Amino acid sequence: MPQLFFSFESELQNTTPEPPSSHCSSVQERLVTYGSEALDNVEHLGLILGDQSKASALVQHFGSIHQLSRASVQELLPFVSRNQALRVISALRLAAVALRDERQKLTIDSPLAIADLCSEMRFLDRESLRVVLLNTKQQLIKVISVGEGTLNEAPTHPREIFKPAIVYSAYSFILVHNHPSDDPSPSDADLRLTRRLVEAARILQIQLLDHIIIGTPAPGRCGYFSCKEAGVIA
């Protein structure tokens, strides 16, 4: 995820400058002088919290910014105040939204393009289903959430999946959902749903181009699974 810094101007303006030896002050000065790329993830987090030591403790406890982004307010409270927890969650969510908005005008011509477009789904702690609606040129119309589920299931009726495609007059669509386990391998239920949707799409004359499952890349494993690439969808 790109390093994004969300400044809290009122705090920075009202903060009395600290001596040059202050780590927090030096981080702020590097940001002002050299830009956001001069800071690492922990330093950005420290500026959001206003406390570099708490930022280090959070990343050390959760293991990565990726895992931290899945934490709830309650899970953060042993380490930071309630206000700080809210700021961290909001900042990480805004970063994910900014990444998705940046990709809104993409031409969707491969499973990788979809995996990139919906990459923030790997940070969700529950299964979520979305439909990616496309026009005749395979350009993005809209991404719509059609279901939320549990840790390992997002039950959704096919009519809820096809409804946005009909409402927005989409030429085709791609179904996307995530696996909070990080492993994108399809379950039997995933494959059964895909086959039902293929048949329904044929009847409704709306093209189902693919069903993408979002996970997390790992050594020897791709960060997504494509039913099209695997031959589940012809």
C-alpha atoms as a PDB file:
ATOM      1  CA  MET A   1       0.000   0.000   0.000  1.00  0.00           C
ATOM      2  CA  PRO A   2       1.390   3.420  -0.924  1.00  0.00           C
ATOM      3  CA  GLN A   3       2.728   5.471   1.948  1.00  0.00           C
ATOM      4  CA  LEU A   4       0.129   8.171   2.504  1.00  0.00           C
ATOM      5  CA  PHE A   5       0.357  10.810   5.203  1.00  0.00           C
ATOM      6  CA  PHE A   6      -2.719  12.489   6.532  1.00  0.00           C
ATOM      7  CA  SER A   7      -1.706  15.651   8.373  1.00  0.00           C
ATOM      8  CA  PHE A   8      -3.540  16.857  11.407  1.00  0.00           C
ATOM      9  CA  GLU A   9      -2.827  20.564  10.928  1.00  0.00           C
ATOM     10  CA  SER A  10      -4.348  21.844  14.126  1.00  0.00           C
ATOM     11  CA  GLU A  11      -2.042  19.646  16.188  1.00  0.00           C
ATOM     12  CA  LEU A  12       1.095  20.405  14.218  1.00  0.00           C
ATOM     13  CA  GLN A  13       0.437  24.142  14.284  1.00  0.00           C
ATOM     14  CA  ASN A  14      -0.182  24.182  18.021  1.00  0.00           C
ATOM     15  CA  THR A  15       2.825  22.076  18.875  1.00  0.00           C
ATOM     16  CA  THR A  16       5.747  23.926  20.387  1.00  0.00           C
ATOM     17  CA  PRO A  17       8.877  23.151  18.342  1.00  0.00           C
ATOM     18  CA  GLU A  18      11.107  20.700  20.135  1.00  0.00           C
ATOM     19  CA  PRO A  19      14.907  20.692  20.173  1.00  0.00           C
ATOM     20  CA  PRO A  20      16.589  19.218  17.090  1.00  0.00           C
ATOM     21  CA  SER A  21      17.433  16.098  19.089  1.00  0.00           C
ATOM     22  CA  SER A  22      13.726  15.171  19.336  1.00  0.00           C
ATOM     23  CA  HIS A  23      13.036  12.195  17.075  1.00  0.00           C
ATOM     24  CA  CYS A  24       9.460  13.297  16.429  1.00  0.00           C
ATOM     25  CA  SER A  25      10.639  16.765  15.470  1.00  0.00           C
ATOM     26  CA  SER A  26      13.264  15.375  13.110  1.00  0.00           C
ATOM     27  CA  VAL A  27      10.633  13.185  11.442  1.00  0.00           C
ATOM     28  CA  GLN A  28       8.412  16.223  10.884  1.00  0.00           C
ATOM     29  CA  GLU A  29      11.319  18.194   9.449  1.00  0.00           C
ATOM     30  CA  ARG A  30      12.250  15.394   7.048  1.00  0.00           C
ATOM     31  CA  LEU A  31       8.659  15.218   5.864  1.00  0.00           C
ATOM     32  CA  VAL A  32       8.532  18.974   5.233  1.00  0.00           C
ATOM     33  CA  THR A  33      11.959  19.100   3.589  1.00  0.00           C
ATOM     34  CA  TYR A  34      12.087  15.880   1.579  1.00  0.00           C
ATOM     35  CA  GLY A  35       8.475  14.744   1.220  1.00  0.00           C
ATOM     36  CA  SER A  36       6.582  11.632   2.308  1.00  0.00           C
ATOM     37  CA  GLU A  37       8.965   9.175   0.605  1.00  0.00           C
ATOM     38  CA  ALA A  38      11.680  10.142   3.096  1.00  0.00           C
ATOM     39  CA  LEU A  39       9.732   8.483   5.928  1.00  0.00           C
ATOM     40  CA  ASP A  40       9.109   4.817   6.553  1.00  0.00           C
ATOM     41  CA  ASN A  41       5.737   3.370   7.526  1.00  0.00           C
ATOM     42  CA  VAL A  42       6.393   3.475  11.270  1.00  0.00           C
ATOM     43  CA  GLU A  43       7.389   7.139  11.100  1.00  0.00           C
ATOM     44  CA  HIS A  44       4.197   8.032   9.212  1.00  0.00           C
ATOM     45  CA  LEU A  45       2.206   6.143  11.827  1.00  0.00           C
ATOM     46  CA  GLY A  46       4.075   7.989  14.572  1.00  0.00           C
ATOM     47  CA  LEU A  47       3.081  11.338  13.103  1.00  0.00           C
ATOM     48  CA  ILE A  48      -0.571  10.240  12.948  1.00  0.00           C
ATOM     49  CA  LEU A  49      -0.396   9.182  16.604  1.00  0.00           C
ATOM     50  CA  GLY A  50       1.852  12.034  17.709  1.00  0.00           C
ATOM     51  CA  ASP A  51       4.063   9.431  19.385  1.00  0.00           C
ATOM     52  CA  GLN A  52       6.813   7.490  17.611  1.00  0.00           C
ATOM     53  CA  SER A  53       7.317   5.014  20.465  1.00  0.00           C
ATOM     54  CA  LYS A  54       3.630   4.010  20.398  1.00  0.00           C
ATOM     55  CA  ALA A  55       3.861   3.593  16.625  1.00  0.00           C
ATOM     56  CA  SER A  56       6.797   1.223  17.016  1.00  0.00           C
ATOM     57  CA  ALA A  57       4.965  -0.723  19.711  1.00  0.00           C
ATOM     58  CA  LEU A  58       1.877  -1.111  17.511  1.00  0.00           C
ATOM     59  CA  VAL A  59       3.805  -2.399  14.499  1.00  0.00           C
ATOM     60  CA  GLN A  60       5.872  -4.705  16.677  1.00  0.00           C
ATOM     61  CA  HIS A  61       2.725  -6.167  18.267  1.00  0.00           C
ATOM     62  CA  PHE A  62       0.670  -6.601  15.076  1.00  0.00           C
ATOM     63  CA  GLY A  63       3.649  -7.549  12.909  1.00  0.00           C
ATOM     64  CA  SER A  64       2.998  -5.207   9.981  1.00  0.00           C
ATOM     65  CA  ILE A  65       0.909  -2.275   8.759  1.00  0.00           C
ATOM     66  CA  HIS A  66      -1.102  -4.858   6.832  1.00  0.00           C
ATOM     67  CA  GLN A  67      -2.151  -6.628  10.034  1.00  0.00           C
ATOM     68  CA  LEU A  68      -2.594  -3.341  11.877  1.00  0.00           C
ATOM     69  CA  SER A  69      -5.103  -2.222   9.244  1.00  0.00           C
ATOM     70  CA  ARG A  70      -7.357  -5.130  10.266  1.00  0.00           C
ATOM     71  CA  ALA A  71      -7.402  -4.206  13.951  1.00  0.00           C
ATOM     72  CA  SER A  72     -10.501  -2.879  15.681  1.00  0.00           C
ATOM     73  CA  VAL A  73     -10.610   0.054  18.091  1.00  0.00           C
ATOM     74  CA  GLN A  74     -10.820  -2.410  20.991  1.00  0.00           C
ATOM     75  CA  GLU A  75      -7.691  -4.226  19.839  1.00  0.00           C
ATOM     76  CA  LEU A  76      -5.761  -0.951  19.677  1.00  0.00           C
ATOM     77  CA  LEU A  77      -6.811   0.391  23.079  1.00  0.00           C
ATOM     78  CA  PRO A  78      -4.175  -1.513  25.123  1.00  0.00           C
ATOM     79  CA  PHE A  79      -1.531   0.490  23.250  1.00  0.00           C
ATOM     80  CA  VAL A  80      -3.052   3.888  22.465  1.00  0.00           C
ATOM     81  CA  SER A  81      -5.870   6.185  23.544  1.00  0.00           C
ATOM     82  CA  ARG A  82      -9.339   5.936  22.028  1.00  0.00           C
ATOM     83  CA  ASN A  83      -8.807   9.084  19.953  1.00  0.00           C
ATOM     84  CA  GLN A  84      -5.492   7.777  18.656  1.00  0.00           C
ATOM     85  CA  ALA A  85      -7.101   4.452  17.759  1.00  0.00           C
ATOM     86  CA  LEU A  86      -9.834   6.211  15.815  1.00  0.00           C
ATOM     87  CA  ARG A  87      -7.257   8.283  13.948  1.00  0.00           C
ATOM     88  CA  VAL A  88      -5.204   5.245  12.986  1.00  0.00           C
ATOM     89  CA  ILE A  89      -8.226   3.331  11.672  1.00  0.00           C
ATOM     90  CA  SER A  90      -9.529   6.354   9.762  1.00  0.00           C
ATOM     91  CA  ALA A  91      -6.129   7.120   8.226  1.00  0.00           C
ATOM     92  CA  LEU A  92      -5.585   3.552   7.040  1.00  0.00           C
ATOM     93  CA  ARG A  93      -9.102   3.415   5.620  1.00  0.00           C
ATOM     94  CA  LEU A  94      -8.566   6.680   3.733  1.00  0.00           C
ATOM     95  CA  ALA A  95      -5.341   5.283   2.314  1.00  0.00           C
ATOM     96  CA  ALA A  96      -7.225   2.259   0.976  1.00  0.00           C
ATOM     97  CA  VAL A  97      -9.954   4.459  -0.514  1.00  0.00           C
ATOM     98  CA  ALA A  98      -7.384   6.748  -2.133  1.00  0.00           C
ATOM     99  CA  LEU A  99      -5.716   3.742  -3.734  1.00  0.00           C
ATOM    100  CA  ARG A 100      -9.031   2.469  -5.095  1.00  0.00           C
ATOM    101  CA  ASP A 101     -10.086   5.911  -6.387  1.00  0.00           C
ATOM    102  CA  GLU A 102      -6.771   6.268  -8.198  1.00  0.00           C
ATOM    103  CA  ARG A 103      -7.615   3.132 -10.157  1.00  0.00           C
ATOM    104  CA  GLN A 104     -11.240   3.937 -10.972  1.00  0.00           C
ATOM    105  CA  LYS A 105     -10.593   4.739 -14.665  1.00  0.00           C
ATOM    106  CA  LEU A 106      -8.679   1.594 -15.465  1.00  0.00           C
ATOM    107  CA  THR A 107      -9.462  -0.613 -18.428  1.00  0.00           C
ATOM    108  CA  ILE A 108     -10.033  -4.037 -16.907  1.00  0.00           C
ATOM    109  CA  ASP A 109      -8.224  -6.423 -19.218  1.00  0.00           C
ATOM    110  CA  SER A 110      -6.767  -9.045 -16.876  1.00  0.00           C
ATOM    111  CA  PRO A 111      -7.311 -10.743 -13.501  1.00  0.00           C
ATOM    112  CA  LEU A 112      -4.278  -8.848 -12.208  1.00  0.00           C
ATOM    113  CA  ALA A 113      -5.993  -5.541 -13.017  1.00  0.00           C
ATOM    114  CA  ILE A 114      -8.958  -6.606 -10.880  1.00  0.00           C
ATOM    115  CA  ALA A 115      -6.694  -7.798  -8.073  1.00  0.00           C
ATOM    116  CA  ASP A 116      -4.970  -4.399  -8.109  1.00  0.00           C
ATOM    117  CA  LEU A 117      -8.273  -2.514  -8.231  1.00  0.00           C
ATOM    118  CA  CYS A 118      -9.639  -4.373  -5.203  1.00  0.00           C
ATOM    119  CA  SER A 119      -6.354  -4.903  -3.388  1.00  0.00           C
ATOM    120  CA  GLU A 120      -7.593  -3.199  -0.199  1.00  0.00           C
ATOM    121  CA  MET A 121      -9.990  -6.132   0.286  1.00  0.00           C
ATOM    122  CA  ARG A 122      -7.092  -8.191   1.600  1.00  0.00           C
ATOM    123  CA  PHE A 123      -7.156  -5.984   4.701  1.00  0.00           C
ATOM    124  CA  LEU A 124     -10.770  -6.834   5.596  1.00  0.00           C
ATOM    125  CA  ASP A 125     -11.381  -9.148   8.548  1.00  0.00           C
ATOM    126  CA  ARG A 126     -14.665 -10.481   7.136  1.00  0.00           C
ATOM    127  CA  GLU A 127     -15.547 -11.897   3.752  1.00  0.00           C
ATOM    128  CA  SER A 128     -17.006  -9.299   1.421  1.00  0.00           C
ATOM    129  CA  LEU A 129     -18.516  -9.677  -2.064  1.00  0.00           C
ATOM    130  CA  ARG A 130     -18.278  -6.959  -4.704  1.00  0.00           C
ATOM    131  CA  VAL A 131     -19.276  -6.716  -8.329  1.00  0.00           C
ATOM    132  CA  VAL A 132     -17.071  -4.824 -10.771  1.00  0.00           C
ATOM    133  CA  LEU A 133     -19.306  -3.449 -13.524  1.00  0.00           C
ATOM    134  CA  LEU A 134     -17.870  -2.855 -17.005  1.00  0.00           C
ATOM    135  CA  ASN A 135     -19.037  -1.250 -20.238  1.00  0.00           C
ATOM    136  CA  THR A 136     -18.589  -2.638 -23.762  1.00  0.00           C
ATOM    137  CA  LYS A 137     -14.962  -1.429 -23.838  1.00  0.00           C
ATOM    138  CA  GLN A 138     -14.224  -3.200 -20.543  1.00  0.00           C
ATOM    139  CA  GLN A 139     -13.891   0.144 -18.812  1.00  0.00           C
ATOM    140  CA  LEU A 140     -14.930   0.438 -15.204  1.00  0.00           C
ATOM    141  CA  ILE A 141     -18.439   1.707 -14.495  1.00  0.00           C
ATOM    142  CA  LYS A 142     -18.615   1.113 -10.764  1.00  0.00           C
ATOM    143  CA  VAL A 143     -17.580  -1.231  -7.953  1.00  0.00           C
ATOM    144  CA  ILE A 144     -20.502  -2.182  -5.713  1.00  0.00           C
ATOM    145  CA  SER A 145     -20.581  -4.198  -2.495  1.00  0.00           C
ATOM    146  CA  VAL A 146     -23.284  -6.872  -2.616  1.00  0.00           C
ATOM    147  CA  GLY A 147     -22.660  -8.810   0.579  1.00  0.00           C
ATOM    148  CA  GLU A 148     -20.804  -9.013   3.865  1.00  0.00           C
ATOM    149  CA  GLY A 149     -20.185 -12.217   5.742  1.00  0.00           C
ATOM    150  CA  THR A 150     -18.234 -13.932   8.468  1.00  0.00           C
ATOM    151  CA  LEU A 151     -14.611 -14.938   8.794  1.00  0.00           C
ATOM    152  CA  ASN A 152     -15.008 -17.626   6.151  1.00  0.00           C
ATOM    153  CA  GLU A 153     -18.303 -17.059   4.352  1.00  0.00           C
ATOM    154  CA  ALA A 154     -20.251 -14.274   2.659  1.00  0.00           C
ATOM    155  CA  PRO A 155     -23.668 -15.752   1.790  1.00  0.00           C
ATOM    156  CA  THR A 156     -25.347 -13.799  -1.011  1.00  0.00           C
ATOM    157  CA  HIS A 157     -28.249 -14.729  -3.289  1.00  0.00           C
ATOM    158  CA  PRO A 158     -27.457 -14.583  -7.025  1.00  0.00           C
ATOM    159  CA  ARG A 159     -30.199 -11.966  -7.546  1.00  0.00           C
ATOM    160  CA  GLU A 160     -28.263  -9.532  -5.312  1.00  0.00           C
ATOM    161  CA  ILE A 161     -25.190 -10.097  -7.465  1.00  0.00           C
ATOM    162  CA  PHE A 162     -26.964  -9.485 -10.773  1.00  0.00           C
ATOM    163  CA  LYS A 163     -29.103  -6.561  -9.589  1.00  0.00           C
ATOM    164  CA  PRO A 164     -26.342  -3.881  -9.885  1.00  0.00           C
ATOM    165  CA  ALA A 165     -25.423  -5.107 -13.373  1.00  0.00           C
ATOM    166  CA  ILE A 166     -29.024  -4.646 -14.476  1.00  0.00           C
ATOM    167  CA  VAL A 167     -29.517  -1.305 -12.705  1.00  0.00           C
ATOM    168  CA  TYR A 168     -26.345   0.206 -14.218  1.00  0.00           C
ATOM    169  CA  SER A 169     -26.854  -1.429 -17.636  1.00  0.00           C
ATOM    170  CA  ALA A 170     -23.460  -3.092 -17.442  1.00  0.00           C
ATOM    171  CA  TYR A 171     -22.306  -5.066 -20.456  1.00  0.00           C
ATOM    172  CA  SER A 172     -20.338  -7.443 -18.261  1.00  0.00           C
ATOM    173  CA  PHE A 173     -19.187  -7.844 -14.677  1.00  0.00           C
ATOM    174  CA  ILE A 174     -16.644  -9.565 -12.492  1.00  0.00           C
ATOM    175  CA  LEU A 175     -17.395 -10.958  -9.047  1.00  0.00           C
ATOM    176  CA  VAL A 176     -14.726 -10.342  -6.408  1.00  0.00           C
ATOM    177  CA  HIS A 177     -14.502 -11.538  -2.841  1.00  0.00           C
ATOM    178  CA  ASN A 178     -11.770 -11.851  -0.245  1.00  0.00           C
ATOM    179  CA  HIS A 179     -10.496 -14.599   2.035  1.00  0.00           C
ATOM    180  CA  PRO A 180      -9.500 -13.163   5.444  1.00  0.00           C
ATOM    181  CA  SER A 181      -7.370 -16.279   5.934  1.00  0.00           C
ATOM    182  CA  ASP A 182      -5.037 -14.715   3.290  1.00  0.00           C
ATOM    183  CA  ASP A 183      -5.173 -17.910   1.183  1.00  0.00           C
ATOM    184  CA  PRO A 184      -7.069 -17.170  -2.060  1.00  0.00           C
ATOM    185  CA  SER A 185      -7.646 -20.822  -2.922  1.00  0.00           C
ATOM    186  CA  PRO A 186     -11.352 -21.398  -3.713  1.00  0.00           C
ATOM    187  CA  SER A 187     -13.566 -23.403  -1.395  1.00  0.00           C
ATOM    188  CA  ASP A 188     -16.152 -25.873  -2.673  1.00  0.00           C
ATOM    189  CA  ALA A 189     -18.806 -23.250  -1.907  1.00  0.00           C
ATOM    190  CA  ASP A 190     -16.898 -20.681  -4.009  1.00  0.00           C
ATOM    191  CA  LEU A 191     -16.839 -23.043  -6.978  1.00  0.00           C
ATOM    192  CA  ARG A 192     -20.516 -23.954  -6.621  1.00  0.00           C
ATOM    193  CA  LEU A 193     -21.486 -20.271  -6.513  1.00  0.00           C
ATOM    194  CA  THR A 194     -19.392 -19.549  -9.592  1.00  0.00           C
ATOM    195  CA  ARG A 195     -21.055 -22.314 -11.604  1.00  0.00           C
ATOM    196  CA  ARG A 196     -24.542 -21.103 -10.561  1.00  0.00           C
ATOM    197  CA  LEU A 197     -23.663 -17.574 -11.645  1.00  0.00           C
ATOM    198  CA  VAL A 198     -22.331 -18.752 -14.994  1.00  0.00           C
ATOM    199  CA  GLU A 199     -25.666 -20.408 -15.729  1.00  0.00           C
ATOM    200  CA  ALA A 200     -27.677 -17.398 -14.516  1.00  0.00           C
ATOM    201  CA  ALA A 201     -25.517 -15.026 -16.590  1.00  0.00           C
ATOM    202  CA  ARG A 202     -26.214 -17.113 -19.698  1.00  0.00           C
ATOM    203  CA  ILE A 203     -29.959 -16.853 -19.123  1.00  0.00           C
ATOM    204  CA  LEU A 204     -29.857 -13.109 -18.387  1.00  0.00           C
ATOM    205  CA  GLN A 205     -27.435 -12.472 -21.266  1.00  0.00           C
ATOM    206  CA  ILE A 206     -25.002 -10.585 -19.033  1.00  0.00           C
ATOM    207  CA  GLN A 207     -21.384 -11.660 -19.280  1.00  0.00           C
ATOM    208  CA  LEU A 208     -19.729 -12.926 -16.125  1.00  0.00           C
ATOM    209  CA  LEU A 209     -16.086 -12.488 -17.088  1.00  0.00           C
ATOM    210  CA  ASP A 210     -14.441 -13.836 -13.952  1.00  0.00           C
ATOM    211  CA  HIS A 211     -14.694 -14.548 -10.262  1.00  0.00           C
ATOM    212  CA  ILE A 212     -11.603 -13.284  -8.441  1.00  0.00           C
ATOM    213  CA  ILE A 213     -10.712 -14.298  -4.897  1.00  0.00           C
ATOM    214  CA  ILE A 214      -8.406 -11.865  -3.092  1.00  0.00           C
ATOM    215  CA  GLY A 215      -5.819 -13.128  -0.635  1.00  0.00           C
ATOM    216  CA  THR A 216      -2.304 -12.106   0.300  1.00  0.00           C
ATOM    217  CA  PRO A 217       0.796 -12.936  -1.766  1.00  0.00           C
ATOM    218  CA  ALA A 218       3.162 -15.441  -0.187  1.00  0.00           C
ATOM    219  CA  PRO A 219       6.268 -17.312  -1.342  1.00  0.00           C
ATOM    220  CA  GLY A 220       5.132 -19.655  -4.108  1.00  0.00           C
ATOM    221  CA  ARG A 221       1.579 -18.304  -4.042  1.00  0.00           C
ATOM    222  CA  CYS A 222      -0.163 -15.580  -6.000  1.00  0.00           C
ATOM    223  CA  GLY A 223      -2.196 -12.999  -4.092  1.00  0.00           C
ATOM    224  CA  TYR A 224      -5.390 -13.840  -5.973  1.00  0.00           C
ATOM    225  CA  PHE A 225      -7.245 -16.720  -7.633  1.00  0.00           C
ATOM    226  CA  SER A 226      -8.970 -16.325 -11.005  1.00  0.00           C
ATOM    227  CA  CYS A 227     -11.784 -18.723 -11.898  1.00  0.00           C
ATOM    228  CA  LYS A 228     -11.247 -17.726 -15.541  1.00  0.00           C
ATOM    229  CA  GLU A 229      -7.568 -18.599 -15.496  1.00  0.00           C
ATOM    230  CA  ALA A 230      -8.325 -21.877 -13.674  1.00  0.00           C
ATOM    231  CA  GLY A 231     -10.904 -22.898 -16.304  1.00  0.00           C
ATOM    232  CA  VAL A 232     -13.916 -22.781 -13.960  1.00  0.00           C
ATOM    233  CA  ILE A 233     -15.356 -20.071 -16.242  1.00  0.00           C
ATOM    234  CA  ALA A 234     -14.979 -20.840 -19.958  1.00  0.00           C
END
